[in-house]
Amino acid sequence: MPELKFIVEAALLAAGKPLSLKQLQLLFEESERPPKTDLHHCLQRLEKDYQGRGVEIKEVASGWRIQVTEAASPWVSRLWAERPPRYSRALLETLALIAYRQPITRGEIEEIRGVSVSTSIIKSLLERHWIKVLGQRDTPGKPALYGTTPEFLDYFSLKNLQELPTLTEMRDLATIHQSLEFSE
């Protein structure tokens, strides 16, 4: 049987999505299934092997994946004819409020933003699987409570919500506006 590291690397490359340690274990017959500690050690070795290259092994909320490094992404993104989606300021503000204040209702988002939240914004975030309904607030009308999903964390290369930048790190709004490509 090939070395465990090569099997794990090939699986991450072929999957096209993050794989958890449990999913990696299921690649093997029960009699030859490696323990999670061996897989974790293997992933750490791969991380070291990939250092200084154009791709990296990255742990995100759903597991581990192979991805293009941030330094190489401006050139690699030119391979796709379509432009990356441009998100409106309203959508990004709504997403940020959900991420930082979850669970949160639409009414609370509107109160903080000072404007109503378009149904299309909530629908768009739900369709992208970046947010989900976590339940309902026990108040009149039973408004939906929104929170982020593992897909949100995966899209933004985060393992958990604690990796979100702190609000003090986000003070320079001019820089943020340029990097997020707001559409007006």
N, C-alpha and C. Protein backbone atom coordinates (compact mmCIF):
# COMPACT_ATOMS: atom_id res chain seq x y z
N MET A 1 0.85 -1.18 0.00
CA MET A 1 0.00 0.00 0.00
C MET A 1 0.89 1.24 0.00
N PRO A 2 0.54 2.28 -0.79
CA PRO A 2 1.35 3.50 -0.79
C PRO A 2 1.39 4.15 0.59
N GLU A 3 2.37 4.99 0.79
CA GLU A 3 2.50 5.69 2.06
C GLU A 3 1.23 6.49 2.35
N LEU A 4 0.83 6.53 3.60
CA LEU A 4 -0.39 7.22 4.04
C LEU A 4 -0.42 8.67 3.56
N LYS A 5 0.72 9.32 3.62
CA LYS A 5 0.79 10.73 3.21
C LYS A 5 0.36 10.91 1.76
N PHE A 6 0.76 10.01 0.89
CA PHE A 6 0.40 10.12 -0.53
C PHE A 6 -1.09 9.88 -0.76
N ILE A 7 -1.66 8.96 -0.01
CA ILE A 7 -3.10 8.67 -0.13
C ILE A 7 -3.91 9.88 0.32
N VAL A 8 -3.52 10.44 1.45
CA VAL A 8 -4.22 11.62 1.98
C VAL A 8 -4.10 12.79 1.01
N GLU A 9 -2.91 13.03 0.50
CA GLU A 9 -2.70 14.12 -0.45
C GLU A 9 -3.56 13.93 -1.70
N ALA A 10 -3.58 12.73 -2.24
CA ALA A 10 -4.38 12.45 -3.43
C ALA A 10 -5.87 12.63 -3.16
N ALA A 11 -6.33 12.19 -2.00
CA ALA A 11 -7.75 12.34 -1.66
C ALA A 11 -8.13 13.81 -1.54
N LEU A 12 -7.29 14.61 -0.90
CA LEU A 12 -7.59 16.05 -0.76
C LEU A 12 -7.63 16.73 -2.12
N LEU A 13 -6.73 16.33 -2.99
CA LEU A 13 -6.68 16.93 -4.33
C LEU A 13 -7.91 16.52 -5.15
N ALA A 14 -8.29 15.26 -5.07
CA ALA A 14 -9.40 14.75 -5.88
C ALA A 14 -10.76 15.19 -5.35
N ALA A 15 -10.87 15.38 -4.06
CA ALA A 15 -12.18 15.68 -3.46
C ALA A 15 -12.75 17.01 -3.93
N GLY A 16 -11.92 18.02 -4.07
CA GLY A 16 -12.41 19.33 -4.47
C GLY A 16 -13.21 20.02 -3.39
N LYS A 17 -13.17 19.50 -2.18
CA LYS A 17 -13.85 20.09 -1.03
C LYS A 17 -13.11 19.65 0.22
N PRO A 18 -13.34 20.31 1.34
CA PRO A 18 -12.65 19.89 2.56
C PRO A 18 -13.08 18.48 2.98
N LEU A 19 -12.13 17.74 3.53
CA LEU A 19 -12.40 16.40 4.05
C LEU A 19 -12.05 16.36 5.53
N SER A 20 -12.96 15.84 6.32
CA SER A 20 -12.72 15.70 7.76
C SER A 20 -11.83 14.47 7.99
N LEU A 21 -11.31 14.36 9.21
CA LEU A 21 -10.50 13.19 9.55
C LEU A 21 -11.34 11.92 9.42
N LYS A 22 -12.61 11.99 9.80
CA LYS A 22 -13.51 10.83 9.69
C LYS A 22 -13.67 10.42 8.22
N GLN A 23 -13.85 11.40 7.33
CA GLN A 23 -13.98 11.09 5.91
C GLN A 23 -12.69 10.47 5.36
N LEU A 24 -11.55 10.96 5.82
CA LEU A 24 -10.28 10.38 5.39
C LEU A 24 -10.14 8.95 5.90
N GLN A 25 -10.60 8.69 7.12
CA GLN A 25 -10.55 7.33 7.64
C GLN A 25 -11.38 6.38 6.79
N LEU A 26 -12.51 6.86 6.28
CA LEU A 26 -13.42 6.00 5.52
C LEU A 26 -12.86 5.61 4.15
N LEU A 27 -11.73 6.18 3.76
CA LEU A 27 -11.08 5.77 2.52
C LEU A 27 -10.52 4.36 2.63
N PHE A 28 -10.32 3.90 3.84
CA PHE A 28 -9.65 2.64 4.09
C PHE A 28 -10.64 1.57 4.56
N GLU A 29 -10.32 0.32 4.23
CA GLU A 29 -11.09 -0.79 4.78
C GLU A 29 -10.93 -0.77 6.30
N GLU A 30 -11.91 -1.28 6.99
CA GLU A 30 -11.89 -1.22 8.45
C GLU A 30 -10.63 -1.84 9.05
N SER A 31 -10.15 -2.90 8.45
CA SER A 31 -8.97 -3.60 8.99
C SER A 31 -7.68 -2.79 8.83
N GLU A 32 -7.65 -1.87 7.86
CA GLU A 32 -6.42 -1.08 7.62
C GLU A 32 -6.61 0.40 7.93
N ARG A 33 -7.72 0.76 8.56
CA ARG A 33 -8.07 2.16 8.84
C ARG A 33 -7.08 2.77 9.85
N PRO A 34 -6.40 3.86 9.47
CA PRO A 34 -5.45 4.49 10.40
C PRO A 34 -6.20 5.29 11.46
N PRO A 35 -5.62 5.41 12.64
CA PRO A 35 -6.26 6.25 13.67
C PRO A 35 -6.20 7.73 13.28
N LYS A 36 -7.10 8.52 13.85
CA LYS A 36 -7.15 9.95 13.54
C LYS A 36 -5.84 10.65 13.87
N THR A 37 -5.16 10.20 14.90
CA THR A 37 -3.88 10.83 15.27
C THR A 37 -2.85 10.66 14.15
N ASP A 38 -2.83 9.48 13.51
CA ASP A 38 -1.90 9.26 12.39
C ASP A 38 -2.27 10.17 11.21
N LEU A 39 -3.56 10.29 10.94
CA LEU A 39 -4.00 11.16 9.84
C LEU A 39 -3.65 12.61 10.14
N HIS A 40 -3.85 13.04 11.37
CA HIS A 40 -3.53 14.42 11.75
C HIS A 40 -2.04 14.68 11.60
N HIS A 41 -1.22 13.72 12.04
CA HIS A 41 0.23 13.85 11.89
C HIS A 41 0.62 13.93 10.41
N CYS A 42 -0.04 13.12 9.60
CA CYS A 42 0.21 13.11 8.15
C CYS A 42 -0.13 14.48 7.54
N LEU A 43 -1.25 15.05 7.95
CA LEU A 43 -1.67 16.36 7.44
C LEU A 43 -0.67 17.45 7.86
N GLN A 44 -0.16 17.35 9.07
CA GLN A 44 0.86 18.31 9.52
C GLN A 44 2.13 18.18 8.69
N ARG A 45 2.52 16.95 8.35
CA ARG A 45 3.70 16.74 7.50
C ARG A 45 3.47 17.34 6.11
N LEU A 46 2.25 17.15 5.57
CA LEU A 46 1.93 17.73 4.27
C LEU A 46 1.96 19.26 4.32
N GLU A 47 1.46 19.83 5.41
CA GLU A 47 1.51 21.29 5.57
C GLU A 47 2.95 21.79 5.47
N LYS A 48 3.84 21.11 6.13
CA LYS A 48 5.26 21.50 6.10
C LYS A 48 5.83 21.33 4.69
N ASP A 49 5.47 20.23 4.03
CA ASP A 49 5.96 19.98 2.66
C ASP A 49 5.52 21.09 1.71
N TYR A 50 4.35 21.62 1.91
CA TYR A 50 3.79 22.61 1.00
C TYR A 50 4.25 24.04 1.30
N GLN A 51 4.94 24.27 2.40
CA GLN A 51 5.38 25.62 2.74
C GLN A 51 6.27 26.19 1.65
N GLY A 52 6.03 27.46 1.30
CA GLY A 52 6.83 28.14 0.29
C GLY A 52 6.43 27.79 -1.13
N ARG A 53 5.29 27.16 -1.31
CA ARG A 53 4.83 26.78 -2.65
C ARG A 53 3.55 27.55 -2.99
N GLY A 54 3.04 27.34 -4.17
CA GLY A 54 1.84 28.05 -4.63
C GLY A 54 0.54 27.49 -4.11
N VAL A 55 0.59 26.31 -3.52
CA VAL A 55 -0.59 25.71 -2.91
C VAL A 55 -0.26 25.36 -1.47
N GLU A 56 -1.31 25.16 -0.68
CA GLU A 56 -1.13 24.86 0.73
C GLU A 56 -2.20 23.89 1.20
N ILE A 57 -1.91 23.22 2.29
CA ILE A 57 -2.92 22.41 2.98
C ILE A 57 -3.48 23.32 4.06
N LYS A 58 -4.80 23.46 4.08
CA LYS A 58 -5.44 24.40 5.00
C LYS A 58 -6.56 23.70 5.75
N GLU A 59 -6.61 23.90 7.06
CA GLU A 59 -7.71 23.39 7.84
C GLU A 59 -8.78 24.47 7.92
N VAL A 60 -10.00 24.09 7.54
CA VAL A 60 -11.15 24.98 7.63
C VAL A 60 -12.22 24.27 8.46
N ALA A 61 -13.37 24.89 8.60
CA ALA A 61 -14.41 24.35 9.48
C ALA A 61 -14.81 22.92 9.12
N SER A 62 -14.90 22.58 7.85
CA SER A 62 -15.38 21.26 7.44
C SER A 62 -14.28 20.21 7.38
N GLY A 63 -13.05 20.60 7.55
CA GLY A 63 -11.95 19.65 7.48
C GLY A 63 -10.71 20.26 6.86
N TRP A 64 -10.02 19.48 6.06
CA TRP A 64 -8.76 19.89 5.44
C TRP A 64 -8.94 19.94 3.93
N ARG A 65 -8.23 20.86 3.27
CA ARG A 65 -8.28 20.96 1.82
C ARG A 65 -6.95 21.46 1.27
N ILE A 66 -6.77 21.22 -0.02
CA ILE A 66 -5.64 21.80 -0.74
C ILE A 66 -6.19 23.03 -1.44
N GLN A 67 -5.48 24.17 -1.29
CA GLN A 67 -5.95 25.40 -1.92
C GLN A 67 -4.77 26.23 -2.40
N VAL A 68 -5.07 27.14 -3.30
CA VAL A 68 -4.06 28.08 -3.80
C VAL A 68 -3.74 29.05 -2.67
N THR A 69 -2.46 29.40 -2.54
CA THR A 69 -2.10 30.36 -1.50
C THR A 69 -2.63 31.75 -1.86
N GLU A 70 -2.78 32.56 -0.85
CA GLU A 70 -3.27 33.93 -1.06
C GLU A 70 -2.32 34.70 -1.97
N ALA A 71 -1.02 34.45 -1.84
CA ALA A 71 -0.03 35.16 -2.66
C ALA A 71 -0.17 34.83 -4.15
N ALA A 72 -0.56 33.61 -4.47
CA ALA A 72 -0.66 33.19 -5.88
C ALA A 72 -2.05 33.42 -6.47
N SER A 73 -3.04 33.69 -5.65
CA SER A 73 -4.42 33.76 -6.14
C SER A 73 -4.68 34.85 -7.19
N PRO A 74 -4.02 36.02 -7.17
CA PRO A 74 -4.32 37.00 -8.22
C PRO A 74 -4.03 36.48 -9.64
N TRP A 75 -3.02 35.64 -9.78
CA TRP A 75 -2.67 35.10 -11.09
C TRP A 75 -3.53 33.89 -11.44
N VAL A 76 -3.74 33.03 -10.49
CA VAL A 76 -4.52 31.81 -10.73
C VAL A 76 -5.97 32.17 -11.05
N SER A 77 -6.49 33.20 -10.43
CA SER A 77 -7.90 33.58 -10.67
C SER A 77 -8.14 33.98 -12.12
N ARG A 78 -7.11 34.32 -12.84
CA ARG A 78 -7.25 34.69 -14.26
C ARG A 78 -7.58 33.48 -15.15
N LEU A 79 -7.48 32.28 -14.61
CA LEU A 79 -7.83 31.09 -15.37
C LEU A 79 -9.32 31.00 -15.65
N TRP A 80 -10.11 31.64 -14.83
CA TRP A 80 -11.56 31.58 -15.00
C TRP A 80 -12.04 32.83 -15.69
N ALA A 81 -12.81 32.64 -16.76
CA ALA A 81 -13.28 33.77 -17.56
C ALA A 81 -14.26 34.64 -16.77
N GLU A 82 -15.07 34.02 -15.93
CA GLU A 82 -16.04 34.82 -15.19
C GLU A 82 -15.35 35.54 -14.05
N ARG A 83 -15.84 36.71 -13.79
CA ARG A 83 -15.30 37.52 -12.70
C ARG A 83 -15.86 37.01 -11.38
N PRO A 84 -15.11 37.12 -10.32
CA PRO A 84 -15.67 36.72 -9.03
C PRO A 84 -16.86 37.62 -8.70
N PRO A 85 -17.83 37.07 -7.98
CA PRO A 85 -19.01 37.88 -7.67
C PRO A 85 -18.64 39.12 -6.87
N ARG A 86 -19.34 40.19 -7.19
CA ARG A 86 -19.16 41.43 -6.44
C ARG A 86 -20.35 41.55 -5.50
N TYR A 87 -20.07 41.70 -4.26
CA TYR A 87 -21.13 41.75 -3.27
C TYR A 87 -21.43 43.20 -2.90
N SER A 88 -22.70 43.48 -2.74
CA SER A 88 -23.10 44.84 -2.39
C SER A 88 -22.70 45.12 -0.94
N ARG A 89 -22.60 46.38 -0.65
CA ARG A 89 -22.27 46.80 0.71
C ARG A 89 -23.34 46.31 1.68
N ALA A 90 -24.61 46.39 1.27
CA ALA A 90 -25.71 45.95 2.13
C ALA A 90 -25.60 44.47 2.45
N LEU A 91 -25.26 43.64 1.44
CA LEU A 91 -25.11 42.21 1.67
C LEU A 91 -23.97 41.94 2.64
N LEU A 92 -22.83 42.59 2.44
CA LEU A 92 -21.68 42.37 3.31
C LEU A 92 -21.92 42.87 4.73
N GLU A 93 -22.61 43.99 4.86
CA GLU A 93 -22.95 44.49 6.21
C GLU A 93 -23.87 43.51 6.92
N THR A 94 -24.85 43.00 6.19
CA THR A 94 -25.78 42.04 6.77
C THR A 94 -25.05 40.77 7.18
N LEU A 95 -24.19 40.26 6.31
CA LEU A 95 -23.41 39.06 6.62
C LEU A 95 -22.50 39.29 7.83
N ALA A 96 -21.87 40.45 7.90
CA ALA A 96 -20.99 40.76 9.02
C ALA A 96 -21.77 40.80 10.34
N LEU A 97 -22.95 41.40 10.31
CA LEU A 97 -23.76 41.46 11.53
C LEU A 97 -24.18 40.06 11.97
N ILE A 98 -24.54 39.22 11.02
CA ILE A 98 -24.92 37.85 11.37
C ILE A 98 -23.71 37.12 11.95
N ALA A 99 -22.55 37.27 11.32
CA ALA A 99 -21.34 36.57 11.77
C ALA A 99 -20.92 37.00 13.17
N TYR A 100 -20.97 38.30 13.44
CA TYR A 100 -20.48 38.81 14.72
C TYR A 100 -21.51 38.78 15.83
N ARG A 101 -22.81 38.81 15.49
CA ARG A 101 -23.83 38.92 16.53
C ARG A 101 -24.77 37.72 16.60
N GLN A 102 -24.47 36.65 15.92
CA GLN A 102 -25.38 35.51 15.87
C GLN A 102 -25.62 34.91 17.24
N PRO A 103 -26.81 34.38 17.47
CA PRO A 103 -27.99 34.39 16.60
C PRO A 103 -28.64 35.77 16.61
N ILE A 104 -29.14 36.18 15.45
CA ILE A 104 -29.69 37.52 15.31
C ILE A 104 -30.91 37.46 14.38
N THR A 105 -31.89 38.31 14.65
CA THR A 105 -33.09 38.35 13.81
C THR A 105 -32.93 39.44 12.76
N ARG A 106 -33.76 39.34 11.76
CA ARG A 106 -33.77 40.35 10.70
C ARG A 106 -34.09 41.73 11.28
N GLY A 107 -35.02 41.79 12.21
CA GLY A 107 -35.37 43.06 12.85
C GLY A 107 -34.19 43.68 13.59
N GLU A 108 -33.38 42.86 14.26
CA GLU A 108 -32.20 43.36 14.96
C GLU A 108 -31.17 43.89 13.96
N ILE A 109 -31.03 43.20 12.83
CA ILE A 109 -30.11 43.67 11.78
C ILE A 109 -30.58 45.04 11.28
N GLU A 110 -31.87 45.16 11.03
CA GLU A 110 -32.43 46.43 10.53
C GLU A 110 -32.26 47.54 11.55
N GLU A 111 -32.42 47.22 12.82
CA GLU A 111 -32.26 48.23 13.87
C GLU A 111 -30.81 48.73 13.92
N ILE A 112 -29.85 47.84 13.80
CA ILE A 112 -28.44 48.22 13.83
C ILE A 112 -28.05 49.00 12.58
N ARG A 113 -28.47 48.52 11.41
CA ARG A 113 -28.12 49.18 10.15
C ARG A 113 -28.90 50.46 9.93
N GLY A 114 -30.07 50.56 10.50
CA GLY A 114 -30.89 51.75 10.32
C GLY A 114 -31.69 51.76 9.04
N VAL A 115 -31.67 50.65 8.30
CA VAL A 115 -32.45 50.52 7.06
C VAL A 115 -33.01 49.10 7.01
N SER A 116 -34.03 48.91 6.19
CA SER A 116 -34.61 47.58 6.10
C SER A 116 -33.67 46.65 5.31
N VAL A 117 -33.75 45.37 5.62
CA VAL A 117 -32.94 44.37 4.95
C VAL A 117 -33.78 43.77 3.83
N SER A 118 -33.28 43.85 2.63
CA SER A 118 -33.97 43.33 1.47
C SER A 118 -34.13 41.81 1.58
N THR A 119 -35.29 41.32 1.18
CA THR A 119 -35.53 39.88 1.15
C THR A 119 -34.52 39.19 0.24
N SER A 120 -34.11 39.86 -0.83
CA SER A 120 -33.16 39.25 -1.76
C SER A 120 -31.79 39.05 -1.12
N ILE A 121 -31.42 39.90 -0.17
CA ILE A 121 -30.13 39.74 0.52
C ILE A 121 -30.16 38.48 1.37
N ILE A 122 -31.21 38.33 2.16
CA ILE A 122 -31.32 37.14 3.00
C ILE A 122 -31.40 35.89 2.12
N LYS A 123 -32.18 35.97 1.05
CA LYS A 123 -32.33 34.84 0.13
C LYS A 123 -30.97 34.48 -0.49
N SER A 124 -30.22 35.48 -0.90
CA SER A 124 -28.91 35.25 -1.51
C SER A 124 -27.96 34.58 -0.52
N LEU A 125 -27.93 35.04 0.72
CA LEU A 125 -27.06 34.45 1.73
C LEU A 125 -27.48 33.02 2.06
N LEU A 126 -28.79 32.76 2.07
CA LEU A 126 -29.29 31.40 2.30
C LEU A 126 -28.93 30.49 1.13
N GLU A 127 -29.08 30.99 -0.11
CA GLU A 127 -28.77 30.19 -1.30
C GLU A 127 -27.29 29.85 -1.39
N ARG A 128 -26.44 30.76 -0.93
CA ARG A 128 -24.99 30.49 -0.93
C ARG A 128 -24.60 29.57 0.23
N HIS A 129 -25.56 29.28 1.10
CA HIS A 129 -25.33 28.45 2.29
C HIS A 129 -24.33 29.10 3.25
N TRP A 130 -24.31 30.42 3.26
CA TRP A 130 -23.45 31.14 4.21
C TRP A 130 -24.16 31.37 5.52
N ILE A 131 -25.50 31.40 5.49
CA ILE A 131 -26.28 31.55 6.71
C ILE A 131 -27.37 30.49 6.71
N LYS A 132 -27.93 30.26 7.90
CA LYS A 132 -29.06 29.36 8.02
C LYS A 132 -29.94 29.83 9.17
N VAL A 133 -31.16 29.33 9.19
CA VAL A 133 -32.08 29.64 10.28
C VAL A 133 -31.73 28.70 11.43
N LEU A 134 -31.38 29.28 12.57
CA LEU A 134 -30.99 28.49 13.73
C LEU A 134 -32.18 28.13 14.61
N GLY A 135 -33.26 28.87 14.44
CA GLY A 135 -34.45 28.68 15.28
C GLY A 135 -35.30 29.93 15.19
N GLN A 136 -36.12 30.12 16.20
CA GLN A 136 -36.97 31.30 16.23
C GLN A 136 -36.91 31.94 17.61
N ARG A 137 -36.92 33.27 17.64
CA ARG A 137 -36.92 34.02 18.90
C ARG A 137 -38.30 33.84 19.54
N ASP A 138 -38.32 33.64 20.83
CA ASP A 138 -39.57 33.44 21.55
C ASP A 138 -40.19 34.79 21.89
N THR A 139 -40.57 35.52 20.85
CA THR A 139 -41.25 36.81 20.98
C THR A 139 -42.42 36.81 20.01
N PRO A 140 -43.32 37.78 20.13
CA PRO A 140 -44.45 37.83 19.19
C PRO A 140 -43.96 37.83 17.74
N GLY A 141 -44.62 37.04 16.91
CA GLY A 141 -44.23 36.91 15.51
C GLY A 141 -43.20 35.83 15.28
N LYS A 142 -42.57 35.34 16.33
CA LYS A 142 -41.56 34.28 16.23
C LYS A 142 -40.57 34.51 15.08
N PRO A 143 -39.80 35.63 15.13
CA PRO A 143 -38.86 35.89 14.03
C PRO A 143 -37.74 34.86 13.98
N ALA A 144 -37.28 34.59 12.77
CA ALA A 144 -36.19 33.64 12.55
C ALA A 144 -34.89 34.18 13.11
N LEU A 145 -34.11 33.28 13.69
CA LEU A 145 -32.77 33.61 14.17
C LEU A 145 -31.76 33.09 13.15
N TYR A 146 -30.88 33.97 12.70
CA TYR A 146 -29.90 33.60 11.68
C TYR A 146 -28.52 33.43 12.28
N GLY A 147 -27.77 32.52 11.70
CA GLY A 147 -26.38 32.29 12.08
C GLY A 147 -25.61 31.81 10.86
N THR A 148 -24.30 31.79 10.98
CA THR A 148 -23.45 31.37 9.86
C THR A 148 -23.36 29.84 9.83
N THR A 149 -22.84 29.33 8.71
CA THR A 149 -22.73 27.89 8.47
C THR A 149 -21.26 27.49 8.31
N PRO A 150 -20.98 26.20 8.32
CA PRO A 150 -19.61 25.76 8.00
C PRO A 150 -19.18 26.20 6.60
N GLU A 151 -20.11 26.29 5.65
CA GLU A 151 -19.77 26.74 4.30
C GLU A 151 -19.26 28.18 4.32
N PHE A 152 -19.85 29.02 5.18
CA PHE A 152 -19.37 30.40 5.35
C PHE A 152 -17.91 30.37 5.81
N LEU A 153 -17.63 29.56 6.83
CA LEU A 153 -16.27 29.47 7.34
C LEU A 153 -15.31 28.94 6.28
N ASP A 154 -15.75 27.92 5.54
CA ASP A 154 -14.91 27.36 4.47
C ASP A 154 -14.61 28.40 3.40
N TYR A 155 -15.64 29.15 2.97
CA TYR A 155 -15.46 30.14 1.90
C TYR A 155 -14.42 31.19 2.30
N PHE A 156 -14.45 31.59 3.56
CA PHE A 156 -13.52 32.62 4.02
C PHE A 156 -12.28 32.03 4.69
N SER A 157 -12.04 30.73 4.49
CA SER A 157 -10.86 30.01 5.00
C SER A 157 -10.67 30.17 6.51
N LEU A 158 -11.76 29.96 7.23
CA LEU A 158 -11.73 30.05 8.69
C LEU A 158 -12.02 28.69 9.30
N LYS A 159 -11.37 28.38 10.42
CA LYS A 159 -11.66 27.14 11.14
C LYS A 159 -12.89 27.33 12.04
N ASN A 160 -12.99 28.53 12.62
CA ASN A 160 -14.09 28.82 13.54
C ASN A 160 -14.31 30.33 13.58
N LEU A 161 -15.36 30.75 14.26
CA LEU A 161 -15.69 32.17 14.31
C LEU A 161 -14.67 33.01 15.08
N GLN A 162 -13.90 32.37 15.96
CA GLN A 162 -12.87 33.11 16.70
C GLN A 162 -11.77 33.62 15.78
N GLU A 163 -11.67 33.09 14.57
CA GLU A 163 -10.66 33.56 13.61
C GLU A 163 -11.12 34.79 12.85
N LEU A 164 -12.37 35.22 13.02
CA LEU A 164 -12.81 36.46 12.39
C LEU A 164 -11.97 37.61 12.92
N PRO A 165 -11.66 38.58 12.10
CA PRO A 165 -10.89 39.72 12.63
C PRO A 165 -11.70 40.45 13.69
N THR A 166 -11.01 40.96 14.68
CA THR A 166 -11.71 41.72 15.71
C THR A 166 -12.14 43.05 15.11
N LEU A 167 -13.11 43.65 15.74
CA LEU A 167 -13.62 44.92 15.21
C LEU A 167 -12.55 46.01 15.26
N THR A 168 -11.63 45.92 16.21
CA THR A 168 -10.54 46.92 16.25
C THR A 168 -9.58 46.73 15.09
N GLU A 169 -9.44 45.50 14.59
CA GLU A 169 -8.58 45.24 13.44
C GLU A 169 -9.20 45.78 12.15
N MET A 170 -10.48 46.06 12.19
CA MET A 170 -11.19 46.49 10.99
C MET A 170 -11.42 48.00 10.95
N ARG A 171 -10.62 48.76 11.65
CA ARG A 171 -10.82 50.21 11.73
C ARG A 171 -10.61 50.94 10.41
N ASP A 172 -9.66 50.52 9.63
CA ASP A 172 -9.32 51.24 8.41
C ASP A 172 -10.32 50.89 7.31
N LEU A 173 -11.46 51.59 7.28
CA LEU A 173 -12.53 51.28 6.35
C LEU A 173 -12.14 51.49 4.89
N ALA A 174 -11.26 52.44 4.62
CA ALA A 174 -10.85 52.67 3.24
C ALA A 174 -10.17 51.43 2.67
N THR A 175 -9.32 50.81 3.44
CA THR A 175 -8.64 49.60 3.01
C THR A 175 -9.63 48.47 2.83
N ILE A 176 -10.57 48.36 3.73
CA ILE A 176 -11.58 47.29 3.66
C ILE A 176 -12.41 47.46 2.40
N HIS A 177 -12.85 48.66 2.11
CA HIS A 177 -13.67 48.90 0.92
C HIS A 177 -12.93 48.49 -0.34
N GLN A 178 -11.64 48.82 -0.43
CA GLN A 178 -10.87 48.46 -1.62
C GLN A 178 -10.73 46.95 -1.75
N SER A 179 -10.47 46.26 -0.65
CA SER A 179 -10.22 44.83 -0.72
C SER A 179 -11.49 44.01 -0.92
N LEU A 180 -12.65 44.53 -0.55
CA LEU A 180 -13.90 43.76 -0.68
C LEU A 180 -14.62 44.00 -1.99
N GLU A 181 -14.15 44.91 -2.81
CA GLU A 181 -14.76 45.20 -4.12
C GLU A 181 -16.27 45.47 -3.99
N PHE A 182 -16.62 46.49 -3.21
CA PHE A 182 -18.03 46.85 -3.09
C PHE A 182 -18.60 47.28 -4.42
N SER A 183 -19.82 46.87 -4.70
CA SER A 183 -20.52 47.43 -5.87
C SER A 183 -21.56 48.39 -5.33
N GLU A 184 -21.65 49.52 -5.93
CA GLU A 184 -22.59 50.54 -5.42
C GLU A 184 -23.90 50.46 -6.15
